[in-house]
Amino acid sequence: MKRTILTPPDFTGGALADVKQWLAIATPAHDDALAGLIGAAAEACEAFTGTLPLEATCEDVLPASREWQVLDARPVNAILAVEGIPAEGPRFALPAQDYALALDPDGSGRVRVMRPGAAGRIAVRYLAGYAPEWAALPDTLRHGIVRLAAELFRAQDGGGERARILPAAVAALWHPWRRTRLI
């Protein structure tokens, strides 16, 4: 399974302002670098919690299977489209009666294909993430992203070893949001 983020979240508005305030930066000289570090901090948040903090449009490419398959990102807010991918030729929209979708209480999205037609694989496009915009993100997730982005920014000045370790304060903020699975 391969997830692609088609429309990533925007970190240039409120997120950038929050990080600049935390770092006491008043000029736009570092804006591009800070936006990139905020994106990296959001990816670390997803890796730690198992969920996307900010809403993004994602696409998973999966085998066309009758078995239920779980989408990669969580929480899934909406499944937008299912397309068939043949061995040769362009993608095509699968008719709604040829597949089934499920949104589970834990935020997972699932799909299965009953009649794939010429498709050997499918592309599932969906919206996933806790909040549609920075201001709507829960405070602990938002503050953890700000603190980690600031830490990464400071690490550029020689603290490289610290940049590889998730600060305990950030882990404590994100811990209540962490998803675990029993195997």
C-alpha atoms as a PDB file:
ATOM      1  CA  MET A   1       0.000   0.000   0.000  1.00  0.00           C
ATOM      2  CA  LYS A   2       1.296   3.421  -0.902  1.00  0.00           C
ATOM      3  CA  ARG A   3      -0.237   6.613   0.436  1.00  0.00           C
ATOM      4  CA  THR A   4       0.247   9.878  -1.365  1.00  0.00           C
ATOM      5  CA  ILE A   5      -0.826  13.221   0.063  1.00  0.00           C
ATOM      6  CA  LEU A   6      -2.476  15.040  -2.840  1.00  0.00           C
ATOM      7  CA  THR A   7      -3.373  18.242  -0.983  1.00  0.00           C
ATOM      8  CA  PRO A   8      -1.162  18.834   2.061  1.00  0.00           C
ATOM      9  CA  PRO A   9      -2.138  21.111   4.944  1.00  0.00           C
ATOM     10  CA  ASP A  10      -1.122  24.772   4.794  1.00  0.00           C
ATOM     11  CA  PHE A  11       1.469  25.693   7.421  1.00  0.00           C
ATOM     12  CA  THR A  12       2.012  29.295   6.311  1.00  0.00           C
ATOM     13  CA  GLY A  13      -0.815  30.948   8.262  1.00  0.00           C
ATOM     14  CA  GLY A  14      -1.572  30.391  11.929  1.00  0.00           C
ATOM     15  CA  ALA A  15       1.017  27.642  12.367  1.00  0.00           C
ATOM     16  CA  LEU A  16       3.810  29.863  11.121  1.00  0.00           C
ATOM     17  CA  ALA A  17       2.634  32.755  13.308  1.00  0.00           C
ATOM     18  CA  ASP A  18       2.573  30.495  16.391  1.00  0.00           C
ATOM     19  CA  VAL A  19       6.106  29.170  15.791  1.00  0.00           C
ATOM     20  CA  LYS A  20       7.451  32.656  15.103  1.00  0.00           C
ATOM     21  CA  GLN A  21       5.861  33.902  18.334  1.00  0.00           C
ATOM     22  CA  TRP A  22       7.379  30.963  20.284  1.00  0.00           C
ATOM     23  CA  LEU A  23      10.820  31.759  18.829  1.00  0.00           C
ATOM     24  CA  ALA A  24      10.375  35.566  19.119  1.00  0.00           C
ATOM     25  CA  ILE A  25      11.007  36.039  15.390  1.00  0.00           C
ATOM     26  CA  ALA A  26       9.454  39.185  13.918  1.00  0.00           C
ATOM     27  CA  THR A  27      10.853  39.196  10.365  1.00  0.00           C
ATOM     28  CA  PRO A  28       9.843  37.037   7.389  1.00  0.00           C
ATOM     29  CA  ALA A  29      13.463  36.009   6.686  1.00  0.00           C
ATOM     30  CA  HIS A  30      12.989  32.448   8.013  1.00  0.00           C
ATOM     31  CA  ASP A  31       9.380  31.853   6.935  1.00  0.00           C
ATOM     32  CA  ASP A  32      10.112  29.214   4.277  1.00  0.00           C
ATOM     33  CA  ALA A  33      12.452  27.266   6.541  1.00  0.00           C
ATOM     34  CA  LEU A  34      10.000  27.449   9.445  1.00  0.00           C
ATOM     35  CA  ALA A  35       7.086  26.259   7.270  1.00  0.00           C
ATOM     36  CA  GLY A  36       9.186  23.248   6.252  1.00  0.00           C
ATOM     37  CA  LEU A  37      10.051  22.503   9.880  1.00  0.00           C
ATOM     38  CA  ILE A  38       6.385  22.767  10.861  1.00  0.00           C
ATOM     39  CA  GLY A  39       5.614  20.199   8.147  1.00  0.00           C
ATOM     40  CA  ALA A  40       8.338  17.929   9.533  1.00  0.00           C
ATOM     41  CA  ALA A  41       6.947  18.351  13.060  1.00  0.00           C
ATOM     42  CA  ALA A  42       3.451  17.476  11.794  1.00  0.00           C
ATOM     43  CA  GLU A  43       4.885  14.323  10.160  1.00  0.00           C
ATOM     44  CA  ALA A  44       6.543  13.423  13.475  1.00  0.00           C
ATOM     45  CA  CYS A  45       3.182  13.970  15.178  1.00  0.00           C
ATOM     46  CA  GLU A  46       1.557  11.560  12.726  1.00  0.00           C
ATOM     47  CA  ALA A  47       4.310   8.984  13.252  1.00  0.00           C
ATOM     48  CA  PHE A  48       3.981   9.227  17.045  1.00  0.00           C
ATOM     49  CA  THR A  49       0.178   9.311  17.309  1.00  0.00           C
ATOM     50  CA  GLY A  50      -0.728   7.181  14.293  1.00  0.00           C
ATOM     51  CA  THR A  51      -3.069   9.927  13.067  1.00  0.00           C
ATOM     52  CA  LEU A  52      -2.864  12.933  10.762  1.00  0.00           C
ATOM     53  CA  PRO A  53      -3.175  16.120  12.799  1.00  0.00           C
ATOM     54  CA  LEU A  54      -4.404  18.416  10.002  1.00  0.00           C
ATOM     55  CA  GLU A  55      -6.795  17.435   7.249  1.00  0.00           C
ATOM     56  CA  ALA A  56      -5.220  16.459   3.939  1.00  0.00           C
ATOM     57  CA  THR A  57      -6.487  14.891   0.741  1.00  0.00           C
ATOM     58  CA  CYS A  58      -4.812  11.495   0.481  1.00  0.00           C
ATOM     59  CA  GLU A  59      -4.735   8.679  -2.054  1.00  0.00           C
ATOM     60  CA  ASP A  60      -3.943   5.022  -1.399  1.00  0.00           C
ATOM     61  CA  VAL A  61      -3.213   2.607  -4.228  1.00  0.00           C
ATOM     62  CA  LEU A  62      -4.302  -0.908  -3.255  1.00  0.00           C
ATOM     63  CA  PRO A  63      -4.826  -4.267  -4.931  1.00  0.00           C
ATOM     64  CA  ALA A  64      -8.379  -4.766  -6.230  1.00  0.00           C
ATOM     65  CA  SER A  65      -9.476  -7.298  -3.611  1.00  0.00           C
ATOM     66  CA  ARG A  66     -12.711  -8.714  -2.214  1.00  0.00           C
ATOM     67  CA  GLU A  67     -11.122  -8.561   1.260  1.00  0.00           C
ATOM     68  CA  TRP A  68     -11.518  -5.436   3.395  1.00  0.00           C
ATOM     69  CA  GLN A  69      -8.424  -3.242   3.176  1.00  0.00           C
ATOM     70  CA  VAL A  70      -7.672  -0.473   5.668  1.00  0.00           C
ATOM     71  CA  LEU A  71      -6.658   2.935   4.358  1.00  0.00           C
ATOM     72  CA  ASP A  72      -3.265   4.204   5.503  1.00  0.00           C
ATOM     73  CA  ALA A  73      -4.135   7.550   7.132  1.00  0.00           C
ATOM     74  CA  ARG A  74      -6.423   8.219  10.112  1.00  0.00           C
ATOM     75  CA  PRO A  75      -8.882   9.591  11.038  1.00  0.00           C
ATOM     76  CA  VAL A  76     -10.724   9.277   7.737  1.00  0.00           C
ATOM     77  CA  ASN A  77     -13.390  11.977   7.399  1.00  0.00           C
ATOM     78  CA  ALA A  78     -14.710  11.121   3.938  1.00  0.00           C
ATOM     79  CA  ILE A  79     -13.930   8.778   1.057  1.00  0.00           C
ATOM     80  CA  LEU A  80     -14.143  10.866  -2.097  1.00  0.00           C
ATOM     81  CA  ALA A  81     -13.532   8.481  -5.006  1.00  0.00           C
ATOM     82  CA  VAL A  82     -12.549   4.953  -5.980  1.00  0.00           C
ATOM     83  CA  GLU A  83     -10.892   4.465  -9.356  1.00  0.00           C
ATOM     84  CA  GLY A  84      -9.820   1.296 -11.105  1.00  0.00           C
ATOM     85  CA  ILE A  85      -6.253   1.053 -12.389  1.00  0.00           C
ATOM     86  CA  PRO A  86      -5.905  -1.434 -15.269  1.00  0.00           C
ATOM     87  CA  ALA A  87      -2.584  -3.013 -16.314  1.00  0.00           C
ATOM     88  CA  GLU A  88      -2.655  -0.764 -19.381  1.00  0.00           C
ATOM     89  CA  GLY A  89      -4.649   2.333 -20.131  1.00  0.00           C
ATOM     90  CA  PRO A  90      -6.066   5.180 -18.075  1.00  0.00           C
ATOM     91  CA  ARG A  91      -7.755   5.001 -14.699  1.00  0.00           C
ATOM     92  CA  PHE A  92     -11.526   4.712 -14.652  1.00  0.00           C
ATOM     93  CA  ALA A  93     -14.213   5.441 -12.074  1.00  0.00           C
ATOM     94  CA  LEU A  94     -15.514   2.265 -10.480  1.00  0.00           C
ATOM     95  CA  PRO A  95     -19.308   2.218 -10.284  1.00  0.00           C
ATOM     96  CA  ALA A  96     -20.513   2.559  -6.679  1.00  0.00           C
ATOM     97  CA  GLN A  97     -22.228  -0.836  -6.760  1.00  0.00           C
ATOM     98  CA  ASP A  98     -18.867  -2.531  -7.518  1.00  0.00           C
ATOM     99  CA  TYR A  99     -17.199  -1.665  -4.196  1.00  0.00           C
ATOM    100  CA  ALA A 100     -18.030  -1.185  -0.508  1.00  0.00           C
ATOM    101  CA  LEU A 101     -16.765   1.452   1.922  1.00  0.00           C
ATOM    102  CA  ALA A 102     -16.726   1.621   5.707  1.00  0.00           C
ATOM    103  CA  LEU A 103     -15.760   4.310   8.203  1.00  0.00           C
ATOM    104  CA  ASP A 104     -14.980   2.716  11.566  1.00  0.00           C
ATOM    105  CA  PRO A 105     -15.407   4.300  15.022  1.00  0.00           C
ATOM    106  CA  ASP A 106     -11.606   4.284  15.537  1.00  0.00           C
ATOM    107  CA  GLY A 107     -11.171   6.613  12.540  1.00  0.00           C
ATOM    108  CA  SER A 108     -10.145   3.928  10.066  1.00  0.00           C
ATOM    109  CA  GLY A 109     -11.504   3.814   6.551  1.00  0.00           C
ATOM    110  CA  ARG A 110     -11.900   0.507   4.739  1.00  0.00           C
ATOM    111  CA  VAL A 111     -12.644  -0.510   1.163  1.00  0.00           C
ATOM    112  CA  ARG A 112     -13.252  -3.728  -0.738  1.00  0.00           C
ATOM    113  CA  VAL A 113     -13.984  -4.395  -4.393  1.00  0.00           C
ATOM    114  CA  MET A 114     -16.617  -6.940  -5.410  1.00  0.00           C
ATOM    115  CA  ARG A 115     -16.367  -6.423  -9.185  1.00  0.00           C
ATOM    116  CA  PRO A 116     -13.052  -4.907 -10.309  1.00  0.00           C
ATOM    117  CA  GLY A 117     -13.672  -5.148 -14.049  1.00  0.00           C
ATOM    118  CA  ALA A 118     -10.319  -4.570 -15.783  1.00  0.00           C
ATOM    119  CA  ALA A 119      -8.724  -3.129 -12.644  1.00  0.00           C
ATOM    120  CA  GLY A 120      -5.874  -4.998 -11.011  1.00  0.00           C
ATOM    121  CA  ARG A 121      -5.422  -2.163  -8.518  1.00  0.00           C
ATOM    122  CA  ILE A 122      -7.564   0.657  -7.189  1.00  0.00           C
ATOM    123  CA  ALA A 123      -6.864   4.252  -6.172  1.00  0.00           C
ATOM    124  CA  VAL A 124      -8.881   5.484  -3.194  1.00  0.00           C
ATOM    125  CA  ARG A 125      -8.994   9.264  -2.655  1.00  0.00           C
ATOM    126  CA  TYR A 126     -10.079  10.464   0.789  1.00  0.00           C
ATOM    127  CA  LEU A 127      -9.911  13.232   3.397  1.00  0.00           C
ATOM    128  CA  ALA A 128      -8.129  12.425   6.653  1.00  0.00           C
ATOM    129  CA  GLY A 129      -7.052  14.442   9.685  1.00  0.00           C
ATOM    130  CA  TYR A 130      -8.282  15.680  13.058  1.00  0.00           C
ATOM    131  CA  ALA A 131      -8.953  19.264  12.038  1.00  0.00           C
ATOM    132  CA  PRO A 132      -9.559  21.102   8.752  1.00  0.00           C
ATOM    133  CA  GLU A 133      -7.399  24.078   9.803  1.00  0.00           C
ATOM    134  CA  TRP A 134      -4.688  24.997  12.291  1.00  0.00           C
ATOM    135  CA  ALA A 135      -6.966  26.938  14.667  1.00  0.00           C
ATOM    136  CA  ALA A 136      -9.311  23.947  15.027  1.00  0.00           C
ATOM    137  CA  LEU A 137      -6.519  21.521  15.975  1.00  0.00           C
ATOM    138  CA  PRO A 138      -6.663  20.391  19.628  1.00  0.00           C
ATOM    139  CA  ASP A 139      -4.355  22.508  21.795  1.00  0.00           C
ATOM    140  CA  THR A 140      -2.029  19.677  22.849  1.00  0.00           C
ATOM    141  CA  LEU A 141      -1.391  18.554  19.264  1.00  0.00           C
ATOM    142  CA  ARG A 142      -0.919  22.130  18.076  1.00  0.00           C
ATOM    143  CA  HIS A 143       1.405  23.074  20.934  1.00  0.00           C
ATOM    144  CA  GLY A 144       3.493  19.903  20.446  1.00  0.00           C
ATOM    145  CA  ILE A 145       3.973  20.722  16.753  1.00  0.00           C
ATOM    146  CA  VAL A 146       4.985  24.307  17.630  1.00  0.00           C
ATOM    147  CA  ARG A 147       7.484  23.147  20.268  1.00  0.00           C
ATOM    148  CA  LEU A 148       9.014  20.498  18.004  1.00  0.00           C
ATOM    149  CA  ALA A 149       9.323  22.882  15.043  1.00  0.00           C
ATOM    150  CA  ALA A 150      11.024  25.422  17.332  1.00  0.00           C
ATOM    151  CA  GLU A 151      13.370  22.736  18.646  1.00  0.00           C
ATOM    152  CA  LEU A 152      14.270  21.716  15.093  1.00  0.00           C
ATOM    153  CA  PHE A 153      14.914  25.357  14.206  1.00  0.00           C
ATOM    154  CA  ARG A 154      17.214  25.818  17.197  1.00  0.00           C
ATOM    155  CA  ALA A 155      19.023  22.546  16.405  1.00  0.00           C
ATOM    156  CA  GLN A 156      20.260  24.071  13.142  1.00  0.00           C
ATOM    157  CA  ASP A 157      22.759  26.050  15.212  1.00  0.00           C
ATOM    158  CA  GLY A 158      24.782  23.022  16.289  1.00  0.00           C
ATOM    159  CA  GLY A 159      22.431  20.933  18.402  1.00  0.00           C
ATOM    160  CA  GLY A 160      22.135  18.183  15.781  1.00  0.00           C
ATOM    161  CA  GLU A 161      22.004  15.289  18.261  1.00  0.00           C
ATOM    162  CA  ARG A 162      19.052  16.839  20.095  1.00  0.00           C
ATOM    163  CA  ALA A 163      17.152  17.173  16.807  1.00  0.00           C
ATOM    164  CA  ARG A 164      16.999  13.367  16.443  1.00  0.00           C
ATOM    165  CA  ILE A 165      15.258  12.842  19.768  1.00  0.00           C
ATOM    166  CA  LEU A 166      11.604  13.685  20.377  1.00  0.00           C
ATOM    167  CA  PRO A 167      11.580  16.050  23.373  1.00  0.00           C
ATOM    168  CA  ALA A 168       9.835  14.584  26.412  1.00  0.00           C
ATOM    169  CA  ALA A 169       7.553  17.629  26.674  1.00  0.00           C
ATOM    170  CA  VAL A 170       6.320  17.065  23.112  1.00  0.00           C
ATOM    171  CA  ALA A 171       5.820  13.326  23.675  1.00  0.00           C
ATOM    172  CA  ALA A 172       3.819  14.123  26.820  1.00  0.00           C
ATOM    173  CA  LEU A 173       1.557  16.485  24.872  1.00  0.00           C
ATOM    174  CA  TRP A 174       0.930  13.945  22.112  1.00  0.00           C
ATOM    175  CA  HIS A 175       0.714  10.805  24.262  1.00  0.00           C
ATOM    176  CA  PRO A 176      -3.068  11.021  24.960  1.00  0.00           C
ATOM    177  CA  TRP A 177      -3.667  11.053  21.176  1.00  0.00           C
ATOM    178  CA  ARG A 178      -1.497   8.005  20.462  1.00  0.00           C
ATOM    179  CA  ARG A 179      -3.244   5.119  18.737  1.00  0.00           C
ATOM    180  CA  THR A 180      -2.119   1.626  19.608  1.00  0.00           C
ATOM    181  CA  ARG A 181      -3.181  -1.696  18.189  1.00  0.00           C
ATOM    182  CA  LEU A 182      -3.130  -5.147  19.689  1.00  0.00           C
ATOM    183  CA  ILE A 183      -1.631  -7.684  17.364  1.00  0.00           C
END
